[in-house]
Amino acid sequence: MSNEVTNPVLKWILIAVIAVSLCAVGAFVSLMTYPAEEYRAVKELESRGFKVRYELQGNNIWQYPILVIGEDRSITEDDSQLLCHLPRLMDLVFRRCDLSELNLDNIGTCRKLDCFQCNDVTQFPADEINKLAACPLKRLILKNACVNDSNLKDFAKWKTVDYIDLDNNAGITDDGFEHFEKIPSLKRLELQKTSVTIHGVTKFKKKRPDVTVQF
């Protein structure tokens, strides 16, 4: 009788021990495989005042940084270098920042970046926007960033971008529409407080009726 009771108990104890052991091994493997460089980079960014959002990916126990926000600060060359060590970064946002030292070469190495956003920034290196061509951008938001028509010539290099917001850039005129026409994936344009006219929008809509324009 005692053997009949004991054997099932031992069986479940053994199963529990094996399960705990497997969890411990998995945690150890995850610990050993977490990219140390990525961890150091994101912790340094947080210590400098950047806001970071994390997300679980796959079956891993670790949460990886997918969103970084910089606000009310001067972005340095060193900040740019740290950002390039975040291979899973999907969203990068700068608000009211001085971007005179922003290195877009470094940002361009973030091969999962699908949203790049700058709001009310100064010294944005708009003439180097082509350095983000390797990023699979879907949303490009450059509000009040001193962007003009001449900076738009490289926009057609993005084959995945479907949303562009250039509000509050007086340098955007009707001449810029010729560049937007060449973006096959584009679905929505935000051009409020720019220098575009109803005539330019109407002409553009005849060529790209699939694009919604807010101006």
Protein backbone atom coordinates (compact mmCIF):
# COMPACT_ATOMS: atom_id res chain seq x y z
CA MET A 1 0.00 0.00 0.00
CA SER A 2 2.78 2.41 0.94
CA ASN A 3 4.61 1.69 -2.33
CA GLU A 4 1.45 2.46 -4.30
CA VAL A 5 1.23 5.84 -2.62
CA THR A 6 4.93 6.61 -2.59
CA ASN A 7 5.67 5.82 -6.24
CA PRO A 8 3.28 8.45 -7.69
CA VAL A 9 4.57 10.98 -5.17
CA LEU A 10 8.16 10.29 -6.17
CA LYS A 11 7.16 10.48 -9.79
CA TRP A 12 5.72 13.98 -9.40
CA ILE A 13 8.65 15.12 -7.29
CA LEU A 14 10.99 13.94 -10.03
CA ILE A 15 8.97 15.76 -12.69
CA ALA A 16 9.04 18.95 -10.61
CA VAL A 17 12.81 18.68 -10.11
CA ILE A 18 13.36 18.19 -13.84
CA ALA A 19 11.09 21.17 -14.67
CA VAL A 20 12.91 23.45 -12.24
CA SER A 21 16.25 22.29 -13.60
CA LEU A 22 15.20 23.03 -17.17
CA CYS A 23 14.02 26.51 -16.17
CA ALA A 24 17.31 27.14 -14.41
CA VAL A 25 19.27 26.00 -17.47
CA GLY A 26 17.13 28.22 -19.71
CA ALA A 27 17.68 31.21 -17.46
CA PHE A 28 21.42 30.56 -17.41
CA VAL A 29 21.57 30.28 -21.20
CA SER A 30 19.58 33.51 -21.57
CA LEU A 31 21.87 35.24 -19.09
CA MET A 32 24.95 34.12 -20.97
CA THR A 33 23.52 35.09 -24.36
CA TYR A 34 22.19 38.58 -23.47
CA PRO A 35 24.34 40.98 -25.53
CA ALA A 36 26.52 42.71 -22.94
CA GLU A 37 27.25 45.61 -25.30
CA GLU A 38 23.55 46.25 -25.82
CA TYR A 39 22.92 46.11 -22.07
CA ARG A 40 25.72 48.57 -21.29
CA ALA A 41 24.59 50.94 -24.05
CA VAL A 42 20.96 51.14 -22.93
CA LYS A 43 21.87 51.55 -19.26
CA GLU A 44 24.23 54.38 -20.15
CA LEU A 45 21.48 56.08 -22.19
CA GLU A 46 19.09 55.80 -19.25
CA SER A 47 21.71 57.30 -16.91
CA ARG A 48 21.91 60.27 -19.30
CA GLY A 49 18.17 60.92 -19.05
CA PHE A 50 16.86 59.08 -22.12
CA LYS A 51 13.54 57.30 -21.71
CA VAL A 52 13.56 53.67 -22.79
CA ARG A 53 10.73 51.20 -23.34
CA TYR A 54 11.40 47.49 -23.31
CA GLU A 55 9.59 44.54 -24.82
CA LEU A 56 9.80 40.77 -24.54
CA GLN A 57 10.88 39.13 -27.79
CA GLY A 58 10.32 35.51 -28.67
CA ASN A 59 10.67 32.98 -25.86
CA ASN A 60 13.45 34.91 -24.22
CA ILE A 61 13.11 35.98 -20.57
CA TRP A 62 14.83 39.29 -21.32
CA GLN A 63 13.14 42.51 -22.31
CA TYR A 64 14.97 44.36 -25.05
CA PRO A 65 14.94 48.12 -25.73
CA ILE A 66 12.65 48.96 -28.66
CA LEU A 67 11.90 52.66 -28.03
CA VAL A 68 14.28 55.45 -27.03
CA ILE A 69 13.15 59.04 -26.37
CA GLY A 70 15.45 62.02 -25.93
CA GLU A 71 13.89 65.28 -24.71
CA ASP A 72 15.16 68.81 -24.00
CA ARG A 73 18.84 68.02 -24.44
CA SER A 74 21.75 68.29 -26.84
CA ILE A 75 22.36 64.98 -28.59
CA THR A 76 26.07 64.24 -28.70
CA GLU A 77 28.23 62.13 -30.98
CA ASP A 78 28.62 59.72 -28.08
CA ASP A 79 24.84 59.41 -27.71
CA SER A 80 24.63 58.45 -31.39
CA GLN A 81 27.32 55.82 -30.88
CA LEU A 82 25.38 54.26 -28.01
CA LEU A 83 22.20 54.11 -30.09
CA CYS A 84 23.91 52.09 -32.80
CA HIS A 85 24.45 49.31 -30.23
CA LEU A 86 20.69 48.70 -29.99
CA PRO A 87 20.00 46.32 -32.89
CA ARG A 88 16.37 45.76 -31.87
CA LEU A 89 15.49 49.47 -31.69
CA MET A 90 12.22 50.16 -33.51
CA ASP A 91 11.30 53.72 -32.52
CA LEU A 92 13.62 56.69 -31.99
CA VAL A 93 12.17 60.02 -30.85
CA PHE A 94 13.82 63.41 -30.27
CA ARG A 95 11.78 66.28 -28.81
CA ARG A 96 13.08 69.82 -28.39
CA CYS A 97 16.66 68.65 -28.84
CA ASP A 98 19.75 70.21 -30.37
CA LEU A 99 20.82 67.70 -33.03
CA SER A 100 23.93 69.48 -34.28
CA GLU A 101 26.10 66.50 -33.25
CA LEU A 102 23.65 63.76 -34.22
CA ASN A 103 25.44 61.18 -36.37
CA LEU A 104 22.97 59.65 -38.81
CA ASP A 105 25.60 57.14 -39.92
CA ASN A 106 25.23 55.49 -36.52
CA ILE A 107 21.44 55.65 -36.53
CA GLY A 108 21.46 54.07 -39.98
CA THR A 109 22.85 50.85 -38.52
CA CYS A 110 19.60 50.25 -36.60
CA ARG A 111 18.18 47.77 -39.10
CA LYS A 112 14.84 47.31 -37.32
CA LEU A 113 14.08 51.02 -36.99
CA ASP A 114 10.62 51.65 -38.44
CA CYS A 115 9.83 55.03 -36.88
CA PHE A 116 12.13 58.05 -36.73
CA GLN A 117 10.62 61.14 -35.12
CA CYS A 118 11.96 64.65 -34.51
CA ASN A 119 9.69 67.33 -33.00
CA ASP A 120 10.71 70.96 -32.54
CA VAL A 121 14.41 70.22 -32.92
CA THR A 122 17.28 72.48 -33.94
CA GLN A 123 20.21 71.78 -36.23
CA PHE A 124 18.71 68.58 -37.68
CA PRO A 125 21.15 67.31 -40.37
CA ALA A 126 18.45 67.10 -43.03
CA ASP A 127 20.97 67.00 -45.88
CA GLU A 128 22.21 63.66 -44.53
CA ILE A 129 18.80 61.97 -44.33
CA ASN A 130 19.92 59.49 -47.00
CA LYS A 131 22.08 57.80 -44.35
CA LEU A 132 18.89 56.28 -42.95
CA ALA A 133 18.10 54.58 -46.27
CA ALA A 134 19.06 51.15 -44.92
CA CYS A 135 16.47 51.40 -42.12
CA PRO A 136 13.07 49.80 -42.88
CA LEU A 137 11.22 53.01 -41.99
CA LYS A 138 7.44 53.02 -42.10
CA ARG A 139 6.91 56.36 -40.33
CA LEU A 140 9.06 59.44 -40.79
CA ILE A 141 8.11 62.42 -38.63
CA LEU A 142 10.12 65.63 -38.89
CA LYS A 143 8.01 68.39 -37.34
CA ASN A 144 9.51 71.87 -37.15
CA ALA A 145 12.91 70.49 -38.12
CA CYS A 146 13.94 73.07 -40.78
CA VAL A 147 13.40 70.60 -43.63
CA ASN A 148 13.06 72.01 -47.15
CA ASP A 149 12.37 70.77 -50.68
CA SER A 150 16.02 70.04 -51.41
CA ASN A 151 16.12 67.57 -48.52
CA LEU A 152 13.35 65.45 -50.04
CA LYS A 153 15.26 64.06 -52.98
CA ASP A 154 16.41 61.01 -51.02
CA PHE A 155 12.97 60.15 -49.62
CA ALA A 156 12.24 57.86 -52.56
CA LYS A 157 14.93 55.48 -51.30
CA TRP A 158 12.50 54.21 -48.67
CA LYS A 159 10.34 51.50 -50.20
CA THR A 160 8.43 50.81 -46.99
CA VAL A 161 7.53 54.26 -45.60
CA ASP A 162 3.77 54.86 -45.61
CA TYR A 163 3.47 57.88 -43.31
CA ILE A 164 5.39 61.17 -43.54
CA ASP A 165 4.74 64.13 -41.28
CA LEU A 166 6.51 67.40 -42.13
CA ASP A 167 4.28 69.83 -40.26
CA ASN A 168 5.74 73.24 -39.41
CA ASN A 169 8.45 73.24 -42.08
CA ALA A 170 7.99 76.42 -44.12
CA GLY A 171 10.67 75.27 -46.58
CA ILE A 172 8.35 72.60 -47.98
CA THR A 173 6.59 73.93 -51.09
CA ASP A 174 4.70 72.52 -54.04
CA ASP A 175 8.05 71.60 -55.60
CA GLY A 176 8.41 68.88 -52.99
CA PHE A 177 5.53 66.83 -54.39
CA GLU A 178 7.66 65.49 -57.21
CA HIS A 179 9.70 63.62 -54.60
CA PHE A 180 6.65 62.27 -52.75
CA GLU A 181 5.30 60.89 -56.04
CA LYS A 182 8.24 58.49 -56.18
CA ILE A 183 7.49 56.77 -52.87
CA PRO A 184 5.33 53.77 -53.87
CA SER A 185 4.41 52.76 -50.31
CA LEU A 186 3.26 56.25 -49.23
CA LYS A 187 -0.30 56.42 -47.88
CA ARG A 188 -0.48 59.62 -45.83
CA LEU A 189 1.22 63.03 -45.89
CA GLU A 190 0.98 65.61 -43.12
CA LEU A 191 1.93 69.06 -44.44
CA GLN A 192 0.23 71.52 -42.12
CA LYS A 193 1.91 74.89 -41.62
CA THR A 194 4.14 74.40 -44.66
CA SER A 195 4.20 76.44 -47.88
CA VAL A 196 2.25 73.99 -50.06
CA THR A 197 -0.84 75.27 -51.87
CA ILE A 198 -4.19 73.82 -52.84
CA HIS A 199 -3.00 73.90 -56.46
CA GLY A 200 0.04 71.76 -55.64
CA VAL A 201 -1.98 69.31 -53.58
CA THR A 202 -4.60 68.94 -56.32
CA LYS A 203 -1.95 68.28 -58.94
CA PHE A 204 -0.27 65.71 -56.70
CA LYS A 205 -3.56 63.95 -55.94
CA LYS A 206 -4.19 63.45 -59.65
CA LYS A 207 -0.96 61.47 -59.87
CA ARG A 208 -1.25 59.77 -56.46
CA PRO A 209 -4.94 59.43 -55.58
CA ASP A 210 -4.00 56.71 -53.11
CA VAL A 211 -2.27 59.20 -50.79
CA THR A 212 -4.16 61.20 -48.17
CA VAL A 213 -2.78 64.73 -47.76
CA GLN A 214 -3.46 66.87 -44.71
CA PHE A 215 -2.38 70.51 -45.14
